[in-house]
Amino acid sequence: DTSPAAMLKLALVQGINTHCQGVPRPVWHAARIVAARHEDCGPC
């Protein structure tokens, strides 16, 4: 609502949010869980 352009730019970043190559997916997911937990946002 504030800035569709900002949301589109955020959407472009989503590619890094799914890149998993050369490492088993559970290892990748584990690292992401720890990183999100570190930011102290329960819903995220």
ModelCIF file with pLDDT and N, C-alpha, C, O atoms, coordinates in Angstrom:
data_MODEL
#
_entry.id   MODEL 
#
_entity.id                         1 
_entity.type                       polymer 
_entity.pdbx_number_of_molecules   1 
#
_entity_poly.entity_id                      1 
_entity_poly.type                           'polypeptide(L)' 
_entity_poly.nstd_linkage                   no 
_entity_poly.nstd_monomer                   no 
_entity_poly.pdbx_seq_one_letter_code       DTSPAAMLKLALVQGINTHCQGVPRPVWHAARIVAARHEDCGPC 
_entity_poly.pdbx_seq_one_letter_code_can   DTSPAAMLKLALVQGINTHCQGVPRPVWHAARIVAARHEDCGPC 
_entity_poly.pdbx_strand_id                 A 
#
loop_
_entity_poly_seq.entity_id 
_entity_poly_seq.num 
_entity_poly_seq.mon_id 
_entity_poly_seq.hetero 
1 1  ASP n 
1 2  THR n 
1 3  SER n 
1 4  PRO n 
1 5  ALA n 
1 6  ALA n 
1 7  MET n 
1 8  LEU n 
1 9  LYS n 
1 10 LEU n 
1 11 ALA n 
1 12 LEU n 
1 13 VAL n 
1 14 GLN n 
1 15 GLY n 
1 16 ILE n 
1 17 ASN n 
1 18 THR n 
1 19 HIS n 
1 20 CYS n 
1 21 GLN n 
1 22 GLY n 
1 23 VAL n 
1 24 PRO n 
1 25 ARG n 
1 26 PRO n 
1 27 VAL n 
1 28 TRP n 
1 29 HIS n 
1 30 ALA n 
1 31 ALA n 
1 32 ARG n 
1 33 ILE n 
1 34 VAL n 
1 35 ALA n 
1 36 ALA n 
1 37 ARG n 
1 38 HIS n 
1 39 GLU n 
1 40 ASP n 
1 41 CYS n 
1 42 GLY n 
1 43 PRO n 
1 44 CYS n 
#
_struct_asym.id          A 
_struct_asym.entity_id   1 
#
loop_
_ma_qa_metric.id 
_ma_qa_metric.mode 
_ma_qa_metric.name 
_ma_qa_metric.software_group_id 
_ma_qa_metric.type 
1 global pLDDT . pLDDT 
2 local  pLDDT . pLDDT 
#
_ma_qa_metric_global.metric_id      1 
_ma_qa_metric_global.metric_value   90.77 
_ma_qa_metric_global.model_id       1 
_ma_qa_metric_global.ordinal_id     1 
#
loop_
_ma_qa_metric_local.label_asym_id 
_ma_qa_metric_local.label_comp_id 
_ma_qa_metric_local.label_seq_id 
_ma_qa_metric_local.metric_id 
_ma_qa_metric_local.metric_value 
_ma_qa_metric_local.model_id 
_ma_qa_metric_local.ordinal_id 
A ASP 1  2 96.00 1 1  
A THR 2  2 95.00 1 2  
A SER 3  2 96.00 1 3  
A PRO 4  2 95.00 1 4  
A ALA 5  2 95.00 1 5  
A ALA 6  2 94.00 1 6  
A MET 7  2 93.00 1 7  
A LEU 8  2 92.00 1 8  
A LYS 9  2 92.00 1 9  
A LEU 10 2 90.00 1 10 
A ALA 11 2 88.00 1 11 
A LEU 12 2 87.00 1 12 
A VAL 13 2 84.00 1 13 
A GLN 14 2 82.00 1 14 
A GLY 15 2 83.00 1 15 
A ILE 16 2 89.00 1 16 
A ASN 17 2 87.00 1 17 
A THR 18 2 90.00 1 18 
A HIS 19 2 92.00 1 19 
A CYS 20 2 95.00 1 20 
A GLN 21 2 95.00 1 21 
A GLY 22 2 96.00 1 22 
A VAL 23 2 97.00 1 23 
A PRO 24 2 97.00 1 24 
A ARG 25 2 97.00 1 25 
A PRO 26 2 98.00 1 26 
A VAL 27 2 98.00 1 27 
A TRP 28 2 97.00 1 28 
A HIS 29 2 97.00 1 29 
A ALA 30 2 98.00 1 30 
A ALA 31 2 97.00 1 31 
A ARG 32 2 96.00 1 32 
A ILE 33 2 95.00 1 33 
A VAL 34 2 94.00 1 34 
A ALA 35 2 93.00 1 35 
A ALA 36 2 91.00 1 36 
A ARG 37 2 88.00 1 37 
A HIS 38 2 87.00 1 38 
A GLU 39 2 82.00 1 39 
A ASP 40 2 70.00 1 40 
A CYS 41 2 67.00 1 41 
A GLY 42 2 81.00 1 42 
A PRO 43 2 83.00 1 43 
A CYS 44 2 85.00 1 44 
#
loop_
_atom_site.group_PDB 
_atom_site.id 
_atom_site.type_symbol 
_atom_site.label_atom_id 
_atom_site.label_alt_id 
_atom_site.label_comp_id 
_atom_site.label_asym_id 
_atom_site.label_entity_id 
_atom_site.label_seq_id 
_atom_site.pdbx_PDB_ins_code 
_atom_site.Cartn_x 
_atom_site.Cartn_y 
_atom_site.Cartn_z 
_atom_site.occupancy 
_atom_site.B_iso_or_equiv 
_atom_site.pdbx_formal_charge 
_atom_site.auth_seq_id 
_atom_site.auth_comp_id 
_atom_site.auth_asym_id 
_atom_site.auth_atom_id 
_atom_site.pdbx_PDB_model_num 
ATOM 1   N N  . ASP A 1 1  ? 0.822  -1.215  0.000  1.00 96.00 ? 1  ASP A N  1 
ATOM 2   C CA . ASP A 1 1  ? 0.000  0.000   0.000  1.00 96.00 ? 1  ASP A CA 1 
ATOM 3   C C  . ASP A 1 1  ? 0.854  1.263   0.000  1.00 96.00 ? 1  ASP A C  1 
ATOM 4   O O  . ASP A 1 1  ? 0.491  2.262   -0.621 1.00 96.00 ? 1  ASP A O  1 
ATOM 5   N N  . THR A 1 2  ? 1.980  1.218   0.691  1.00 95.00 ? 2  THR A N  1 
ATOM 6   C CA . THR A 1 2  ? 2.870  2.375   0.775  1.00 95.00 ? 2  THR A CA 1 
ATOM 7   C C  . THR A 1 2  ? 3.674  2.560   -0.498 1.00 95.00 ? 2  THR A C  1 
ATOM 8   O O  . THR A 1 2  ? 3.798  3.668   -1.020 1.00 95.00 ? 2  THR A O  1 
ATOM 9   N N  . SER A 1 3  ? 4.227  1.433   -0.995 1.00 96.00 ? 3  SER A N  1 
ATOM 10  C CA . SER A 1 3  ? 5.105  1.529   -2.157 1.00 96.00 ? 3  SER A CA 1 
ATOM 11  C C  . SER A 1 3  ? 5.165  0.199   -2.905 1.00 96.00 ? 3  SER A C  1 
ATOM 12  O O  . SER A 1 3  ? 5.967  -0.669  -2.559 1.00 96.00 ? 3  SER A O  1 
ATOM 13  N N  . PRO A 1 4  ? 4.329  0.033   -3.922 1.00 95.00 ? 4  PRO A N  1 
ATOM 14  C CA . PRO A 1 4  ? 4.410  -1.197  -4.715 1.00 95.00 ? 4  PRO A CA 1 
ATOM 15  C C  . PRO A 1 4  ? 5.813  -1.412  -5.288 1.00 95.00 ? 4  PRO A C  1 
ATOM 16  O O  . PRO A 1 4  ? 6.255  -2.550  -5.443 1.00 95.00 ? 4  PRO A O  1 
ATOM 17  N N  . ALA A 1 5  ? 6.500  -0.331  -5.597 1.00 95.00 ? 5  ALA A N  1 
ATOM 18  C CA . ALA A 1 5  ? 7.863  -0.458  -6.130 1.00 95.00 ? 5  ALA A CA 1 
ATOM 19  C C  . ALA A 1 5  ? 8.787  -1.093  -5.095 1.00 95.00 ? 5  ALA A C  1 
ATOM 20  O O  . ALA A 1 5  ? 9.631  -1.919  -5.443 1.00 95.00 ? 5  ALA A O  1 
ATOM 21  N N  . ALA A 1 6  ? 8.635  -0.715  -3.830 1.00 94.00 ? 6  ALA A N  1 
ATOM 22  C CA . ALA A 1 6  ? 9.456  -1.316  -2.769 1.00 94.00 ? 6  ALA A CA 1 
ATOM 23  C C  . ALA A 1 6  ? 9.147  -2.808  -2.643 1.00 94.00 ? 6  ALA A C  1 
ATOM 24  O O  . ALA A 1 6  ? 10.054 -3.620  -2.466 1.00 94.00 ? 6  ALA A O  1 
ATOM 25  N N  . MET A 1 7  ? 7.870  -3.164  -2.735 1.00 93.00 ? 7  MET A N  1 
ATOM 26  C CA . MET A 1 7  ? 7.501  -4.580  -2.638 1.00 93.00 ? 7  MET A CA 1 
ATOM 27  C C  . MET A 1 7  ? 8.055  -5.362  -3.818 1.00 93.00 ? 7  MET A C  1 
ATOM 28  O O  . MET A 1 7  ? 8.511  -6.493  -3.649 1.00 93.00 ? 7  MET A O  1 
ATOM 29  N N  . LEU A 1 8  ? 8.023  -4.781  -5.004 1.00 92.00 ? 8  LEU A N  1 
ATOM 30  C CA . LEU A 1 8  ? 8.589  -5.459  -6.177 1.00 92.00 ? 8  LEU A CA 1 
ATOM 31  C C  . LEU A 1 8  ? 10.094 -5.689  -6.003 1.00 92.00 ? 8  LEU A C  1 
ATOM 32  O O  . LEU A 1 8  ? 10.612 -6.745  -6.368 1.00 92.00 ? 8  LEU A O  1 
ATOM 33  N N  . LYS A 1 9  ? 10.782 -4.707  -5.449 1.00 92.00 ? 9  LYS A N  1 
ATOM 34  C CA . LYS A 1 9  ? 12.217 -4.866  -5.204 1.00 92.00 ? 9  LYS A CA 1 
ATOM 35  C C  . LYS A 1 9  ? 12.469 -5.947  -4.160 1.00 92.00 ? 9  LYS A C  1 
ATOM 36  O O  . LYS A 1 9  ? 13.416 -6.724  -4.281 1.00 92.00 ? 9  LYS A O  1 
ATOM 37  N N  . LEU A 1 10 ? 11.627 -5.995  -3.143 1.00 90.00 ? 10 LEU A N  1 
ATOM 38  C CA . LEU A 1 10 ? 11.738 -7.062  -2.142 1.00 90.00 ? 10 LEU A CA 1 
ATOM 39  C C  . LEU A 1 10 ? 11.490 -8.421  -2.794 1.00 90.00 ? 10 LEU A C  1 
ATOM 40  O O  . LEU A 1 10 ? 12.168 -9.400  -2.480 1.00 90.00 ? 10 LEU A O  1 
ATOM 41  N N  . ALA A 1 11 ? 10.534 -8.475  -3.687 1.00 88.00 ? 11 ALA A N  1 
ATOM 42  C CA . ALA A 1 11 ? 10.240 -9.732  -4.388 1.00 88.00 ? 11 ALA A CA 1 
ATOM 43  C C  . ALA A 1 11 ? 11.428 -10.194 -5.225 1.00 88.00 ? 11 ALA A C  1 
ATOM 44  O O  . ALA A 1 11 ? 11.670 -11.393 -5.359 1.00 88.00 ? 11 ALA A O  1 
ATOM 45  N N  . LEU A 1 12 ? 12.158 -9.250  -5.781 1.00 87.00 ? 12 LEU A N  1 
ATOM 46  C CA . LEU A 1 12 ? 13.337 -9.611  -6.571 1.00 87.00 ? 12 LEU A CA 1 
ATOM 47  C C  . LEU A 1 12 ? 14.407 -10.285 -5.715 1.00 87.00 ? 12 LEU A C  1 
ATOM 48  O O  . LEU A 1 12 ? 15.168 -11.118 -6.209 1.00 87.00 ? 12 LEU A O  1 
ATOM 49  N N  . VAL A 1 13 ? 14.462 -9.929  -4.449 1.00 84.00 ? 13 VAL A N  1 
ATOM 50  C CA . VAL A 1 13 ? 15.432 -10.516 -3.521 1.00 84.00 ? 13 VAL A CA 1 
ATOM 51  C C  . VAL A 1 13 ? 15.066 -11.970 -3.193 1.00 84.00 ? 13 VAL A C  1 
ATOM 52  O O  . VAL A 1 13 ? 15.907 -12.738 -2.727 1.00 84.00 ? 13 VAL A O  1 
ATOM 53  N N  . GLN A 1 14 ? 13.827 -12.330 -3.437 1.00 82.00 ? 14 GLN A N  1 
ATOM 54  C CA . GLN A 1 14 ? 13.358 -13.669 -3.077 1.00 82.00 ? 14 GLN A CA 1 
ATOM 55  C C  . GLN A 1 14 ? 14.190 -14.789 -3.695 1.00 82.00 ? 14 GLN A C  1 
ATOM 56  O O  . GLN A 1 14 ? 14.201 -15.898 -3.162 1.00 82.00 ? 14 GLN A O  1 
ATOM 57  N N  . GLY A 1 15 ? 14.872 -14.540 -4.778 1.00 83.00 ? 15 GLY A N  1 
ATOM 58  C CA . GLY A 1 15 ? 15.704 -15.571 -5.383 1.00 83.00 ? 15 GLY A CA 1 
ATOM 59  C C  . GLY A 1 15 ? 16.748 -16.102 -4.425 1.00 83.00 ? 15 GLY A C  1 
ATOM 60  O O  . GLY A 1 15 ? 17.051 -17.295 -4.436 1.00 83.00 ? 15 GLY A O  1 
ATOM 61  N N  . ILE A 1 16 ? 17.309 -15.222 -3.589 1.00 89.00 ? 16 ILE A N  1 
ATOM 62  C CA . ILE A 1 16 ? 18.300 -15.697 -2.620 1.00 89.00 ? 16 ILE A CA 1 
ATOM 63  C C  . ILE A 1 16 ? 17.648 -16.478 -1.493 1.00 89.00 ? 16 ILE A C  1 
ATOM 64  O O  . ILE A 1 16 ? 18.306 -17.251 -0.796 1.00 89.00 ? 16 ILE A O  1 
ATOM 65  N N  . ASN A 1 17 ? 16.366 -16.272 -1.321 1.00 87.00 ? 17 ASN A N  1 
ATOM 66  C CA . ASN A 1 17 ? 15.605 -16.948 -0.268 1.00 87.00 ? 17 ASN A CA 1 
ATOM 67  C C  . ASN A 1 17 ? 15.356 -18.420 -0.597 1.00 87.00 ? 17 ASN A C  1 
ATOM 68  O O  . ASN A 1 17 ? 14.905 -19.181 0.260  1.00 87.00 ? 17 ASN A O  1 
ATOM 69  N N  . THR A 1 18 ? 15.642 -18.816 -1.816 1.00 90.00 ? 18 THR A N  1 
ATOM 70  C CA . THR A 1 18 ? 15.365 -20.195 -2.234 1.00 90.00 ? 18 THR A CA 1 
ATOM 71  C C  . THR A 1 18 ? 16.590 -20.908 -2.786 1.00 90.00 ? 18 THR A C  1 
ATOM 72  O O  . THR A 1 18 ? 16.501 -22.078 -3.158 1.00 90.00 ? 18 THR A O  1 
ATOM 73  N N  . HIS A 1 19 ? 17.725 -20.233 -2.847 1.00 92.00 ? 19 HIS A N  1 
ATOM 74  C CA . HIS A 1 19 ? 18.924 -20.827 -3.448 1.00 92.00 ? 19 HIS A CA 1 
ATOM 75  C C  . HIS A 1 19 ? 19.548 -21.856 -2.507 1.00 92.00 ? 19 HIS A C  1 
ATOM 76  O O  . HIS A 1 19 ? 20.008 -21.525 -1.414 1.00 92.00 ? 19 HIS A O  1 
ATOM 77  N N  . CYS A 1 20 ? 19.551 -23.094 -2.952 1.00 95.00 ? 20 CYS A N  1 
ATOM 78  C CA . CYS A 1 20 ? 20.145 -24.173 -2.160 1.00 95.00 ? 20 CYS A CA 1 
ATOM 79  C C  . CYS A 1 20 ? 20.834 -25.124 -3.129 1.00 95.00 ? 20 CYS A C  1 
ATOM 80  O O  . CYS A 1 20 ? 20.191 -25.959 -3.765 1.00 95.00 ? 20 CYS A O  1 
ATOM 81  N N  . GLN A 1 21 ? 22.145 -24.985 -3.230 1.00 95.00 ? 21 GLN A N  1 
ATOM 82  C CA . GLN A 1 21 ? 22.930 -25.784 -4.157 1.00 95.00 ? 21 GLN A CA 1 
ATOM 83  C C  . GLN A 1 21 ? 24.169 -26.284 -3.424 1.00 95.00 ? 21 GLN A C  1 
ATOM 84  O O  . GLN A 1 21 ? 24.843 -25.515 -2.738 1.00 95.00 ? 21 GLN A O  1 
ATOM 85  N N  . GLY A 1 22 ? 24.464 -27.559 -3.568 1.00 96.00 ? 22 GLY A N  1 
ATOM 86  C CA . GLY A 1 22 ? 25.691 -28.102 -3.010 1.00 96.00 ? 22 GLY A CA 1 
ATOM 87  C C  . GLY A 1 22 ? 25.629 -28.467 -1.545 1.00 96.00 ? 22 GLY A C  1 
ATOM 88  O O  . GLY A 1 22 ? 26.627 -28.903 -0.971 1.00 96.00 ? 22 GLY A O  1 
ATOM 89  N N  . VAL A 1 23 ? 24.489 -28.297 -0.940 1.00 97.00 ? 23 VAL A N  1 
ATOM 90  C CA . VAL A 1 23 ? 24.319 -28.605 0.480  1.00 97.00 ? 23 VAL A CA 1 
ATOM 91  C C  . VAL A 1 23 ? 22.952 -29.279 0.652  1.00 97.00 ? 23 VAL A C  1 
ATOM 92  O O  . VAL A 1 23 ? 21.990 -28.882 -0.005 1.00 97.00 ? 23 VAL A O  1 
ATOM 93  N N  . PRO A 1 24 ? 22.851 -30.285 1.522  1.00 97.00 ? 24 PRO A N  1 
ATOM 94  C CA . PRO A 1 24 ? 21.535 -30.901 1.740  1.00 97.00 ? 24 PRO A CA 1 
ATOM 95  C C  . PRO A 1 24 ? 20.519 -29.883 2.271  1.00 97.00 ? 24 PRO A C  1 
ATOM 96  O O  . PRO A 1 24 ? 20.847 -29.027 3.094  1.00 97.00 ? 24 PRO A O  1 
ATOM 97  N N  . ARG A 1 25 ? 19.305 -29.993 1.792  1.00 97.00 ? 25 ARG A N  1 
ATOM 98  C CA . ARG A 1 25 ? 18.267 -29.034 2.175  1.00 97.00 ? 25 ARG A CA 1 
ATOM 99  C C  . ARG A 1 25 ? 18.048 -28.962 3.689  1.00 97.00 ? 25 ARG A C  1 
ATOM 100 O O  . ARG A 1 25 ? 17.831 -27.865 4.202  1.00 97.00 ? 25 ARG A O  1 
ATOM 101 N N  . PRO A 1 26 ? 18.093 -30.069 4.426  1.00 98.00 ? 26 PRO A N  1 
ATOM 102 C CA . PRO A 1 26 ? 17.919 -29.947 5.884  1.00 98.00 ? 26 PRO A CA 1 
ATOM 103 C C  . PRO A 1 26 ? 18.996 -29.079 6.546  1.00 98.00 ? 26 PRO A C  1 
ATOM 104 O O  . PRO A 1 26 ? 18.709 -28.372 7.512  1.00 98.00 ? 26 PRO A O  1 
ATOM 105 N N  . VAL A 1 27 ? 20.210 -29.126 6.044  1.00 98.00 ? 27 VAL A N  1 
ATOM 106 C CA . VAL A 1 27 ? 21.286 -28.294 6.589  1.00 98.00 ? 27 VAL A CA 1 
ATOM 107 C C  . VAL A 1 27 ? 20.977 -26.828 6.313  1.00 98.00 ? 27 VAL A C  1 
ATOM 108 O O  . VAL A 1 27 ? 21.124 -25.976 7.189  1.00 98.00 ? 27 VAL A O  1 
ATOM 109 N N  . TRP A 1 28 ? 20.550 -26.546 5.093  1.00 97.00 ? 28 TRP A N  1 
ATOM 110 C CA . TRP A 1 28 ? 20.180 -25.197 4.677  1.00 97.00 ? 28 TRP A CA 1 
ATOM 111 C C  . TRP A 1 28 ? 19.011 -24.675 5.519  1.00 97.00 ? 28 TRP A C  1 
ATOM 112 O O  . TRP A 1 28 ? 19.036 -23.542 5.998  1.00 97.00 ? 28 TRP A O  1 
ATOM 113 N N  . HIS A 1 29 ? 17.992 -25.517 5.689  1.00 97.00 ? 29 HIS A N  1 
ATOM 114 C CA . HIS A 1 29 ? 16.835 -25.101 6.500  1.00 97.00 ? 29 HIS A CA 1 
ATOM 115 C C  . HIS A 1 29 ? 17.238 -24.861 7.948  1.00 97.00 ? 29 HIS A C  1 
ATOM 116 O O  . HIS A 1 29 ? 16.776 -23.906 8.572  1.00 97.00 ? 29 HIS A O  1 
ATOM 117 N N  . ALA A 1 30 ? 18.096 -25.721 8.485  1.00 98.00 ? 30 ALA A N  1 
ATOM 118 C CA . ALA A 1 30 ? 18.537 -25.550 9.877  1.00 98.00 ? 30 ALA A CA 1 
ATOM 119 C C  . ALA A 1 30 ? 19.219 -24.198 10.055 1.00 98.00 ? 30 ALA A C  1 
ATOM 120 O O  . ALA A 1 30 ? 18.955 -23.493 11.028 1.00 98.00 ? 30 ALA A O  1 
ATOM 121 N N  . ALA A 1 31 ? 20.085 -23.838 9.133  1.00 97.00 ? 31 ALA A N  1 
ATOM 122 C CA . ALA A 1 31 ? 20.776 -22.550 9.215  1.00 97.00 ? 31 ALA A CA 1 
ATOM 123 C C  . ALA A 1 31 ? 19.778 -21.398 9.142  1.00 97.00 ? 31 ALA A C  1 
ATOM 124 O O  . ALA A 1 31 ? 19.934 -20.398 9.842  1.00 97.00 ? 31 ALA A O  1 
ATOM 125 N N  . ARG A 1 32 ? 18.758 -21.531 8.305  1.00 96.00 ? 32 ARG A N  1 
ATOM 126 C CA . ARG A 1 32 ? 17.744 -20.479 8.178  1.00 96.00 ? 32 ARG A CA 1 
ATOM 127 C C  . ARG A 1 32 ? 16.898 -20.357 9.448  1.00 96.00 ? 32 ARG A C  1 
ATOM 128 O O  . ARG A 1 32 ? 16.549 -19.250 9.857  1.00 96.00 ? 32 ARG A O  1 
ATOM 129 N N  . ILE A 1 33 ? 16.573 -21.479 10.064 1.00 95.00 ? 33 ILE A N  1 
ATOM 130 C CA . ILE A 1 33 ? 15.803 -21.443 11.320 1.00 95.00 ? 33 ILE A CA 1 
ATOM 131 C C  . ILE A 1 33 ? 16.591 -20.701 12.389 1.00 95.00 ? 33 ILE A C  1 
ATOM 132 O O  . ILE A 1 33 ? 16.044 -19.852 13.092 1.00 95.00 ? 33 ILE A O  1 
ATOM 133 N N  . VAL A 1 34 ? 17.868 -21.018 12.512 1.00 94.00 ? 34 VAL A N  1 
ATOM 134 C CA . VAL A 1 34 ? 18.718 -20.350 13.503 1.00 94.00 ? 34 VAL A CA 1 
ATOM 135 C C  . VAL A 1 34 ? 18.813 -18.857 13.215 1.00 94.00 ? 34 VAL A C  1 
ATOM 136 O O  . VAL A 1 34 ? 18.727 -18.044 14.135 1.00 94.00 ? 34 VAL A O  1 
ATOM 137 N N  . ALA A 1 35 ? 18.988 -18.489 11.955 1.00 93.00 ? 35 ALA A N  1 
ATOM 138 C CA . ALA A 1 35 ? 19.097 -17.070 11.597 1.00 93.00 ? 35 ALA A CA 1 
ATOM 139 C C  . ALA A 1 35 ? 17.809 -16.323 11.923 1.00 93.00 ? 35 ALA A C  1 
ATOM 140 O O  . ALA A 1 35 ? 17.862 -15.219 12.465 1.00 93.00 ? 35 ALA A O  1 
ATOM 141 N N  . ALA A 1 36 ? 16.663 -16.897 11.606 1.00 91.00 ? 36 ALA A N  1 
ATOM 142 C CA . ALA A 1 36 ? 15.382 -16.243 11.917 1.00 91.00 ? 36 ALA A CA 1 
ATOM 143 C C  . ALA A 1 36 ? 15.186 -16.152 13.426 1.00 91.00 ? 36 ALA A C  1 
ATOM 144 O O  . ALA A 1 36 ? 14.738 -15.126 13.937 1.00 91.00 ? 36 ALA A O  1 
ATOM 145 N N  . ARG A 1 37 ? 15.521 -17.222 14.132 1.00 88.00 ? 37 ARG A N  1 
ATOM 146 C CA . ARG A 1 37 ? 15.382 -17.236 15.588 1.00 88.00 ? 37 ARG A CA 1 
ATOM 147 C C  . ARG A 1 37 ? 16.248 -16.139 16.206 1.00 88.00 ? 37 ARG A C  1 
ATOM 148 O O  . ARG A 1 37 ? 15.837 -15.483 17.163 1.00 88.00 ? 37 ARG A O  1 
ATOM 149 N N  . HIS A 1 38 ? 17.431 -15.945 15.664 1.00 87.00 ? 38 HIS A N  1 
ATOM 150 C CA . HIS A 1 38 ? 18.342 -14.930 16.203 1.00 87.00 ? 38 HIS A CA 1 
ATOM 151 C C  . HIS A 1 38 ? 17.733 -13.531 16.119 1.00 87.00 ? 38 HIS A C  1 
ATOM 152 O O  . HIS A 1 38 ? 18.022 -12.677 16.957 1.00 87.00 ? 38 HIS A O  1 
ATOM 153 N N  . GLU A 1 39 ? 16.902 -13.296 15.124 1.00 82.00 ? 39 GLU A N  1 
ATOM 154 C CA . GLU A 1 39 ? 16.269 -11.984 14.965 1.00 82.00 ? 39 GLU A CA 1 
ATOM 155 C C  . GLU A 1 39 ? 15.109 -11.788 15.930 1.00 82.00 ? 39 GLU A C  1 
ATOM 156 O O  . GLU A 1 39 ? 14.512 -10.711 15.970 1.00 82.00 ? 39 GLU A O  1 
ATOM 157 N N  . ASP A 1 40 ? 14.781 -12.820 16.712 1.00 70.00 ? 40 ASP A N  1 
ATOM 158 C CA . ASP A 1 40 ? 13.761 -12.761 17.758 1.00 70.00 ? 40 ASP A CA 1 
ATOM 159 C C  . ASP A 1 40 ? 12.370 -12.406 17.235 1.00 70.00 ? 40 ASP A C  1 
ATOM 160 O O  . ASP A 1 40 ? 11.632 -11.644 17.859 1.00 70.00 ? 40 ASP A O  1 
ATOM 161 N N  . CYS A 1 41 ? 12.033 -12.965 16.091 1.00 67.00 ? 41 CYS A N  1 
ATOM 162 C CA . CYS A 1 41 ? 10.688 -12.789 15.559 1.00 67.00 ? 41 CYS A CA 1 
ATOM 163 C C  . CYS A 1 41 ? 10.036 -14.166 15.503 1.00 67.00 ? 41 CYS A C  1 
ATOM 164 O O  . CYS A 1 41 ? 10.313 -14.954 14.599 1.00 67.00 ? 41 CYS A O  1 
ATOM 165 N N  . GLY A 1 42 ? 9.178  -14.447 16.462 1.00 81.00 ? 42 GLY A N  1 
ATOM 166 C CA . GLY A 1 42 ? 8.542  -15.760 16.544 1.00 81.00 ? 42 GLY A CA 1 
ATOM 167 C C  . GLY A 1 42 ? 7.767  -16.153 15.303 1.00 81.00 ? 42 GLY A C  1 
ATOM 168 O O  . GLY A 1 42 ? 7.944  -17.267 14.811 1.00 81.00 ? 42 GLY A O  1 
ATOM 169 N N  . PRO A 1 43 ? 6.898  -15.268 14.764 1.00 83.00 ? 43 PRO A N  1 
ATOM 170 C CA . PRO A 1 43 ? 6.141  -15.643 13.572 1.00 83.00 ? 43 PRO A CA 1 
ATOM 171 C C  . PRO A 1 43 ? 7.036  -15.931 12.361 1.00 83.00 ? 43 PRO A C  1 
ATOM 172 O O  . PRO A 1 43 ? 6.745  -16.834 11.575 1.00 83.00 ? 43 PRO A O  1 
ATOM 173 N N  . CYS A 1 44 ? 8.118  -15.167 12.211 1.00 85.00 ? 44 CYS A N  1 
ATOM 174 C CA . CYS A 1 44 ? 9.037  -15.432 11.091 1.00 85.00 ? 44 CYS A CA 1 
ATOM 175 C C  . CYS A 1 44 ? 9.740  -16.770 11.292 1.00 85.00 ? 44 CYS A C  1 
ATOM 176 O O  . CYS A 1 44 ? 10.552 -17.172 10.459 1.00 85.00 ? 44 CYS A O  1 
#
